[in-house]
C-alpha cells in the first residue's frame, strides 16, 4: 500500500498534524529539517505556513517531504 497524506493541519511552531491514507493521524515537529538547505527559507513562519497538499506536503520553494518520513517520525495523535 502506498502511503499518502489526506489531510494536514498546522499546529504552530513548525508542527503539523497529518492524516494518512491508512487512517492514522500523527503529529510531527519539522524544526530539525530547517537546518537543511532545502528548508532553510521556511524558518520564516509565514512561508512555512503556506504549504500545500498533494498526497504529500510541499512548499512554493520546491521543498516537499515524503509521507513515509512524516509517518515514521511522527507521534501518534
PDB file of N, CA and C in Angstrom:
ATOM      1  N   UNK A   1       0.828  -1.185   0.000  1.00  0.00           N
ATOM      2  CA  UNK A   1       0.000   0.000   0.000  1.00  0.00           C
ATOM      3  C   UNK A   1       0.871   1.246   0.000  1.00  0.00           C
ATOM      4  N   UNK A   2       0.572   2.156  -0.877  1.00  0.00           N
ATOM      5  CA  UNK A   2       1.298   3.419  -0.932  1.00  0.00           C
ATOM      6  C   UNK A   2       0.690   4.369   0.090  1.00  0.00           C
ATOM      7  N   UNK A   3       1.519   4.913   0.945  1.00  0.00           N
ATOM      8  CA  UNK A   3       1.080   5.813   1.995  1.00  0.00           C
ATOM      9  C   UNK A   3       1.057   7.240   1.463  1.00  0.00           C
ATOM     10  N   UNK A   4      -0.065   7.932   1.631  1.00  0.00           N
ATOM     11  CA  UNK A   4      -0.186   9.340   1.248  1.00  0.00           C
ATOM     12  C   UNK A   4      -0.795  10.107   2.408  1.00  0.00           C
ATOM     13  N   UNK A   5      -0.744  11.420   2.302  1.00  0.00           N
ATOM     14  CA  UNK A   5      -1.360  12.287   3.301  1.00  0.00           C
ATOM     15  C   UNK A   5      -2.682  12.771   2.724  1.00  0.00           C
ATOM     16  N   UNK A   6      -3.741  12.616   3.504  1.00  0.00           N
ATOM     17  CA  UNK A   6      -5.070  13.017   3.040  1.00  0.00           C
ATOM     18  C   UNK A   6      -5.534  14.331   3.652  1.00  0.00           C
ATOM     19  N   UNK A   7      -4.922  14.723   4.773  1.00  0.00           N
ATOM     20  CA  UNK A   7      -5.280  15.991   5.415  1.00  0.00           C
ATOM     21  C   UNK A   7      -4.108  16.434   6.279  1.00  0.00           C
ATOM     22  N   UNK A   8      -3.954  17.746   6.413  1.00  0.00           N
ATOM     23  CA  UNK A   8      -2.880  18.283   7.253  1.00  0.00           C
ATOM     24  C   UNK A   8      -3.370  19.563   7.919  1.00  0.00           C
ATOM     25  N   UNK A   9      -2.951  19.726   9.166  1.00  0.00           N
ATOM     26  CA  UNK A   9      -3.327  20.899   9.948  1.00  0.00           C
ATOM     27  C   UNK A   9      -2.062  21.477  10.573  1.00  0.00           C
ATOM     28  N   UNK A  10      -1.895  22.796  10.470  1.00  0.00           N
ATOM     29  CA  UNK A  10      -0.746  23.452  11.099  1.00  0.00           C
ATOM     30  C   UNK A  10      -1.063  23.685  12.567  1.00  0.00           C
ATOM     31  N   UNK A  11      -0.206  23.199  13.453  1.00  0.00           N
ATOM     32  CA  UNK A  11      -0.412  23.317  14.890  1.00  0.00           C
ATOM     33  C   UNK A  11       0.374  24.451  15.515  1.00  0.00           C
ATOM     34  N   UNK A  12       1.216  25.113  14.732  1.00  0.00           N
ATOM     35  CA  UNK A  12       2.064  26.179  15.254  1.00  0.00           C
ATOM     36  C   UNK A  12       3.458  25.666  15.542  1.00  0.00           C
ATOM     37  N   UNK A  13       4.404  26.591  15.606  1.00  0.00           N
ATOM     38  CA  UNK A  13       5.797  26.261  15.943  1.00  0.00           C
ATOM     39  C   UNK A  13       6.353  25.114  15.095  1.00  0.00           C
ATOM     40  N   UNK A  14       6.086  25.154  13.795  1.00  0.00           N
ATOM     41  CA  UNK A  14       6.625  24.193  12.819  1.00  0.00           C
ATOM     42  C   UNK A  14       6.126  22.761  13.014  1.00  0.00           C
ATOM     43  N   UNK A  15       5.006  22.601  13.691  1.00  0.00           N
ATOM     44  CA  UNK A  15       4.423  21.278  13.900  1.00  0.00           C
ATOM     45  C   UNK A  15       3.171  21.105  13.054  1.00  0.00           C
ATOM     46  N   UNK A  16       3.004  19.894  12.530  1.00  0.00           N
ATOM     47  CA  UNK A  16       1.860  19.572  11.690  1.00  0.00           C
ATOM     48  C   UNK A  16       1.155  18.334  12.241  1.00  0.00           C
ATOM     49  N   UNK A  17      -0.144  18.285  12.017  1.00  0.00           N
ATOM     50  CA  UNK A  17      -0.924  17.100  12.319  1.00  0.00           C
ATOM     51  C   UNK A  17      -1.359  16.521  10.980  1.00  0.00           C
ATOM     52  N   UNK A  18      -0.838  15.352  10.651  1.00  0.00           N
ATOM     53  CA  UNK A  18      -1.089  14.728   9.350  1.00  0.00           C
ATOM     54  C   UNK A  18      -2.027  13.540   9.511  1.00  0.00           C
ATOM     55  N   UNK A  19      -2.979  13.458   8.594  1.00  0.00           N
ATOM     56  CA  UNK A  19      -3.839  12.290   8.496  1.00  0.00           C
ATOM     57  C   UNK A  19      -3.379  11.516   7.264  1.00  0.00           C
ATOM     58  N   UNK A  20      -3.144  10.224   7.442  1.00  0.00           N
ATOM     59  CA  UNK A  20      -2.602   9.388   6.379  1.00  0.00           C
ATOM     60  C   UNK A  20      -3.684   8.530   5.744  1.00  0.00           C
ATOM     61  N   UNK A  21      -3.388   8.025   4.569  1.00  0.00           N
ATOM     62  CA  UNK A  21      -4.352   7.223   3.807  1.00  0.00           C
ATOM     63  C   UNK A  21      -4.740   5.923   4.515  1.00  0.00           C
ATOM     64  N   UNK A  22      -3.984   5.515   5.509  1.00  0.00           N
ATOM     65  CA  UNK A  22      -4.340   4.321   6.283  1.00  0.00           C
ATOM     66  C   UNK A  22      -5.228   4.674   7.481  1.00  0.00           C
ATOM     67  N   UNK A  23      -5.608   5.960   7.599  1.00  0.00           N
ATOM     68  CA  UNK A  23      -6.489   6.413   8.669  1.00  0.00           C
ATOM     69  C   UNK A  23      -5.783   6.905   9.912  1.00  0.00           C
ATOM     70  N   UNK A  24      -4.484   6.675  10.015  1.00  0.00           N
ATOM     71  CA  UNK A  24      -3.753   7.107  11.206  1.00  0.00           C
ATOM     72  C   UNK A  24      -3.449   8.600  11.148  1.00  0.00           C
ATOM     73  N   UNK A  25      -3.373   9.209  12.336  1.00  0.00           N
ATOM     74  CA  UNK A  25      -3.012  10.625  12.456  1.00  0.00           C
ATOM     75  C   UNK A  25      -1.737  10.715  13.284  1.00  0.00           C
ATOM     76  N   UNK A  26      -0.823  11.558  12.813  1.00  0.00           N
ATOM     77  CA  UNK A  26       0.442  11.720  13.534  1.00  0.00           C
ATOM     78  C   UNK A  26       0.834  13.187  13.574  1.00  0.00           C
ATOM     79  N   UNK A  27       1.375  13.570  14.717  1.00  0.00           N
ATOM     80  CA  UNK A  27       1.886  14.923  14.910  1.00  0.00           C
ATOM     81  C   UNK A  27       3.392  14.877  14.704  1.00  0.00           C
ATOM     82  N   UNK A  28       3.899  15.862  13.956  1.00  0.00           N
ATOM     83  CA  UNK A  28       5.335  15.888  13.709  1.00  0.00           C
ATOM     84  C   UNK A  28       5.867  17.310  13.815  1.00  0.00           C
ATOM     85  N   UNK A  29       6.991  17.435  14.490  1.00  0.00           N
ATOM     86  CA  UNK A  29       7.704  18.705  14.618  1.00  0.00           C
ATOM     87  C   UNK A  29       8.779  18.722  13.535  1.00  0.00           C
ATOM     88  N   UNK A  30       8.681  19.675  12.610  1.00  0.00           N
ATOM     89  CA  UNK A  30       9.628  19.741  11.496  1.00  0.00           C
ATOM     90  C   UNK A  30      10.801  20.686  11.759  1.00  0.00           C
ATOM     91  N   UNK A  31      10.930  21.180  12.972  1.00  0.00           N
ATOM     92  CA  UNK A  31      12.033  22.096  13.304  1.00  0.00           C
ATOM     93  C   UNK A  31      13.403  21.533  12.912  1.00  0.00           C
ATOM     94  N   UNK A  32      13.696  20.240  13.154  1.00  0.00           N
ATOM     95  CA  UNK A  32      15.027  19.724  12.793  1.00  0.00           C
ATOM     96  C   UNK A  32      15.345  19.849  11.297  1.00  0.00           C
ATOM     97  N   UNK A  33      14.345  19.821  10.434  1.00  0.00           N
ATOM     98  CA  UNK A  33      14.597  19.922   8.989  1.00  0.00           C
ATOM     99  C   UNK A  33      15.020  21.317   8.559  1.00  0.00           C
ATOM    100  N   UNK A  34      14.741  22.323   9.376  1.00  0.00           N
ATOM    101  CA  UNK A  34      15.020  23.707   8.996  1.00  0.00           C
ATOM    102  C   UNK A  34      16.508  24.015   8.890  1.00  0.00           C
ATOM    103  N   UNK A  35      17.360  23.113   9.334  1.00  0.00           N
ATOM    104  CA  UNK A  35      18.808  23.284   9.204  1.00  0.00           C
ATOM    105  C   UNK A  35      19.315  22.849   7.828  1.00  0.00           C
ATOM    106  N   UNK A  36      18.513  22.098   7.090  1.00  0.00           N
ATOM    107  CA  UNK A  36      18.912  21.631   5.758  1.00  0.00           C
ATOM    108  C   UNK A  36      18.631  22.713   4.714  1.00  0.00           C
ATOM    109  N   UNK A  37      19.529  22.869   3.727  1.00  0.00           N
ATOM    110  CA  UNK A  37      19.391  23.941   2.740  1.00  0.00           C
ATOM    111  C   UNK A  37      18.018  24.041   2.073  1.00  0.00           C
ATOM    112  N   UNK A  38      17.398  22.939   1.733  1.00  0.00           N
ATOM    113  CA  UNK A  38      16.105  22.976   1.041  1.00  0.00           C
ATOM    114  C   UNK A  38      14.995  23.567   1.906  1.00  0.00           C
ATOM    115  N   UNK A  39      15.191  23.563   3.216  1.00  0.00           N
ATOM    116  CA  UNK A  39      14.141  24.012   4.136  1.00  0.00           C
ATOM    117  C   UNK A  39      14.480  25.307   4.871  1.00  0.00           C
ATOM    118  N   UNK A  40      15.694  25.840   4.705  1.00  0.00           N
ATOM    119  CA  UNK A  40      16.130  26.989   5.498  1.00  0.00           C
ATOM    120  C   UNK A  40      15.226  28.211   5.350  1.00  0.00           C
ATOM    121  N   UNK A  41      14.750  28.496   4.152  1.00  0.00           N
ATOM    122  CA  UNK A  41      13.902  29.680   4.000  1.00  0.00           C
ATOM    123  C   UNK A  41      12.541  29.492   4.658  1.00  0.00           C
ATOM    124  N   UNK A  42      12.212  28.273   5.030  1.00  0.00           N
ATOM    125  CA  UNK A  42      10.952  28.022   5.713  1.00  0.00           C
ATOM    126  C   UNK A  42      11.031  28.355   7.202  1.00  0.00           C
ATOM    127  N   UNK A  43      12.187  28.796   7.652  1.00  0.00           N
ATOM    128  CA  UNK A  43      12.297  29.307   9.021  1.00  0.00           C
ATOM    129  C   UNK A  43      11.388  30.518   9.204  1.00  0.00           C
ATOM    130  N   UNK A  44      11.141  31.221   8.106  1.00  0.00           N
ATOM    131  CA  UNK A  44      10.163  32.308   8.114  1.00  0.00           C
ATOM    132  C   UNK A  44       8.790  31.645   8.259  1.00  0.00           C
ATOM    133  N   UNK A  45       8.167  31.820   9.416  1.00  0.00           N
ATOM    134  CA  UNK A  45       6.916  31.107   9.695  1.00  0.00           C
ATOM    135  C   UNK A  45       5.820  31.419   8.683  1.00  0.00           C
ATOM    136  N   UNK A  46       5.837  32.612   8.146  1.00  0.00           N
ATOM    137  CA  UNK A  46       4.821  32.954   7.141  1.00  0.00           C
ATOM    138  C   UNK A  46       4.978  32.082   5.902  1.00  0.00           C
ATOM    139  N   UNK A  47       6.215  31.793   5.515  1.00  0.00           N
ATOM    140  CA  UNK A  47       6.450  30.897   4.379  1.00  0.00           C
ATOM    141  C   UNK A  47       6.132  29.451   4.755  1.00  0.00           C
ATOM    142  N   UNK A  48       6.507  29.050   5.951  1.00  0.00           N
ATOM    143  CA  UNK A  48       6.244  27.676   6.392  1.00  0.00           C
ATOM    144  C   UNK A  48       4.750  27.381   6.381  1.00  0.00           C
ATOM    145  N   UNK A  49       3.950  28.336   6.842  1.00  0.00           N
ATOM    146  CA  UNK A  49       2.502  28.152   6.947  1.00  0.00           C
ATOM    147  C   UNK A  49       1.819  28.038   5.589  1.00  0.00           C
ATOM    148  N   UNK A  50       2.510  28.391   4.523  1.00  0.00           N
ATOM    149  CA  UNK A  50       1.908  28.381   3.185  1.00  0.00           C
ATOM    150  C   UNK A  50       2.243  27.084   2.439  1.00  0.00           C
ATOM    151  N   UNK A  51       2.010  25.970   3.094  1.00  0.00           N
ATOM    152  CA  UNK A  51       2.259  24.669   2.480  1.00  0.00           C
ATOM    153  C   UNK A  51       1.039  24.249   1.674  1.00  0.00           C
ATOM    154  N   UNK A  52       1.267  23.310   0.780  1.00  0.00           N
ATOM    155  CA  UNK A  52       0.184  22.730   0.006  1.00  0.00           C
ATOM    156  C   UNK A  52       0.116  21.236   0.278  1.00  0.00           C
ATOM    157  N   UNK A  53      -0.954  20.629  -0.199  1.00  0.00           N
ATOM    158  CA  UNK A  53      -1.139  19.198  -0.014  1.00  0.00           C
ATOM    159  C   UNK A  53      -1.532  18.562  -1.334  1.00  0.00           C
ATOM    160  N   UNK A  54      -0.711  17.629  -1.786  1.00  0.00           N
ATOM    161  CA  UNK A  54      -0.995  16.854  -2.987  1.00  0.00           C
ATOM    162  C   UNK A  54      -0.408  15.461  -2.762  1.00  0.00           C
ATOM    163  N   UNK A  55      -1.046  14.681  -1.928  1.00  0.00           N
ATOM    164  CA  UNK A  55      -0.594  13.357  -1.483  1.00  0.00           C
ATOM    165  C   UNK A  55       0.593  13.457  -0.533  1.00  0.00           C
ATOM    166  N   UNK A  56       1.245  14.591  -0.468  1.00  0.00           N
ATOM    167  CA  UNK A  56       2.292  14.894   0.496  1.00  0.00           C
ATOM    168  C   UNK A  56       2.276  16.403   0.716  1.00  0.00           C
ATOM    169  N   UNK A  57       3.121  16.880   1.595  1.00  0.00           N
ATOM    170  CA  UNK A  57       3.196  18.310   1.888  1.00  0.00           C
ATOM    171  C   UNK A  57       4.295  18.926   1.036  1.00  0.00           C
ATOM    172  N   UNK A  58       4.017  20.111   0.487  1.00  0.00           N
ATOM    173  CA  UNK A  58       5.007  20.797  -0.338  1.00  0.00           C
ATOM    174  C   UNK A  58       4.917  22.301  -0.108  1.00  0.00           C
ATOM    175  N   UNK A  59       5.986  23.002  -0.512  1.00  0.00           N
ATOM    176  CA  UNK A  59       6.047  24.450  -0.398  1.00  0.00           C
ATOM    177  C   UNK A  59       6.413  25.047  -1.750  1.00  0.00           C
ATOM    178  N   UNK A  60       6.169  26.337  -1.898  1.00  0.00           N
ATOM    179  CA  UNK A  60       6.398  27.041  -3.166  1.00  0.00           C
ATOM    180  C   UNK A  60       7.864  27.017  -3.588  1.00  0.00           C
ATOM    181  N   UNK A  61       8.796  26.876  -2.640  1.00  0.00           N
ATOM    182  CA  UNK A  61      10.213  26.864  -2.993  1.00  0.00           C
ATOM    183  C   UNK A  61      10.661  25.522  -3.577  1.00  0.00           C
ATOM    184  N   UNK A  62       9.732  24.571  -3.693  1.00  0.00           N
ATOM    185  CA  UNK A  62      10.060  23.261  -4.246  1.00  0.00           C
ATOM    186  C   UNK A  62      10.320  22.192  -3.204  1.00  0.00           C
ATOM    187  N   UNK A  63      10.414  22.575  -1.954  1.00  0.00           N
ATOM    188  CA  UNK A  63      10.645  21.602  -0.887  1.00  0.00           C
ATOM    189  C   UNK A  63       9.393  20.754  -0.670  1.00  0.00           C
ATOM    190  N   UNK A  64       9.595  19.503  -0.389  1.00  0.00           N
ATOM    191  CA  UNK A  64       8.496  18.617  -0.010  1.00  0.00           C
ATOM    192  C   UNK A  64       9.045  17.566   0.944  1.00  0.00           C
ATOM    193  N   UNK A  65       8.142  16.765   1.498  1.00  0.00           N
ATOM    194  CA  UNK A  65       8.553  15.756   2.462  1.00  0.00           C
ATOM    195  C   UNK A  65       7.817  14.463   2.143  1.00  0.00           C
ATOM    196  N   UNK A  66       8.532  13.379   2.092  1.00  0.00           N
ATOM    197  CA  UNK A  66       7.927  12.081   1.806  1.00  0.00           C
ATOM    198  C   UNK A  66       6.947  11.705   2.917  1.00  0.00           C
ATOM    199  N   UNK A  67       5.779  11.207   2.552  1.00  0.00           N
ATOM    200  CA  UNK A  67       4.811  10.783   3.565  1.00  0.00           C
ATOM    201  C   UNK A  67       5.394   9.736   4.525  1.00  0.00           C
ATOM    202  N   UNK A  68       6.257   8.880   4.019  1.00  0.00           N
ATOM    203  CA  UNK A  68       6.861   7.849   4.861  1.00  0.00           C
ATOM    204  C   UNK A  68       7.713   8.474   5.979  1.00  0.00           C
ATOM    205  N   UNK A  69       8.437   9.555   5.636  1.00  0.00           N
ATOM    206  CA  UNK A  69       9.235  10.249   6.651  1.00  0.00           C
ATOM    207  C   UNK A  69       8.317  10.817   7.738  1.00  0.00           C
ATOM    208  N   UNK A  70       7.247  11.461   7.308  1.00  0.00           N
ATOM    209  CA  UNK A  70       6.315  12.064   8.262  1.00  0.00           C
ATOM    210  C   UNK A  70       5.681  10.998   9.152  1.00  0.00           C
ATOM    211  N   UNK A  71       5.338   9.866   8.569  1.00  0.00           N
ATOM    212  CA  UNK A  71       4.718   8.778   9.330  1.00  0.00           C
ATOM    213  C   UNK A  71       5.697   8.189  10.336  1.00  0.00           C
ATOM    214  N   UNK A  72       6.897   7.890   9.889  1.00  0.00           N
ATOM    215  CA  UNK A  72       7.886   7.241  10.752  1.00  0.00           C
ATOM    216  C   UNK A  72       8.396   8.149  11.854  1.00  0.00           C
ATOM    217  N   UNK A  73       8.450   9.459  11.602  1.00  0.00           N
ATOM    218  CA  UNK A  73       8.983  10.397  12.582  1.00  0.00           C
ATOM    219  C   UNK A  73       7.913  11.110  13.394  1.00  0.00           C
ATOM    220  N   UNK A  74       6.668  10.842  13.072  1.00  0.00           N
ATOM    221  CA  UNK A  74       5.574  11.454  13.802  1.00  0.00           C
ATOM    222  C   UNK A  74       5.194  10.673  15.050  1.00  0.00           C
ATOM    223  N   UNK A  75       4.425  11.327  15.900  1.00  0.00           N
ATOM    224  CA  UNK A  75       3.929  10.732  17.127  1.00  0.00           C
ATOM    225  C   UNK A  75       2.428  10.522  16.962  1.00  0.00           C
ATOM    226  N   UNK A  76       1.943   9.350  17.306  1.00  0.00           N
ATOM    227  CA  UNK A  76       0.517   9.063  17.177  1.00  0.00           C
ATOM    228  C   UNK A  76      -0.310  10.125  17.887  1.00  0.00           C
ATOM    229  N   UNK A  77      -1.356  10.568  17.205  1.00  0.00           N
ATOM    230  CA  UNK A  77      -2.215  11.608  17.773  1.00  0.00           C
ATOM    231  C   UNK A  77      -3.634  11.084  17.934  1.00  0.00           C
TER     232      UNK A  77
END
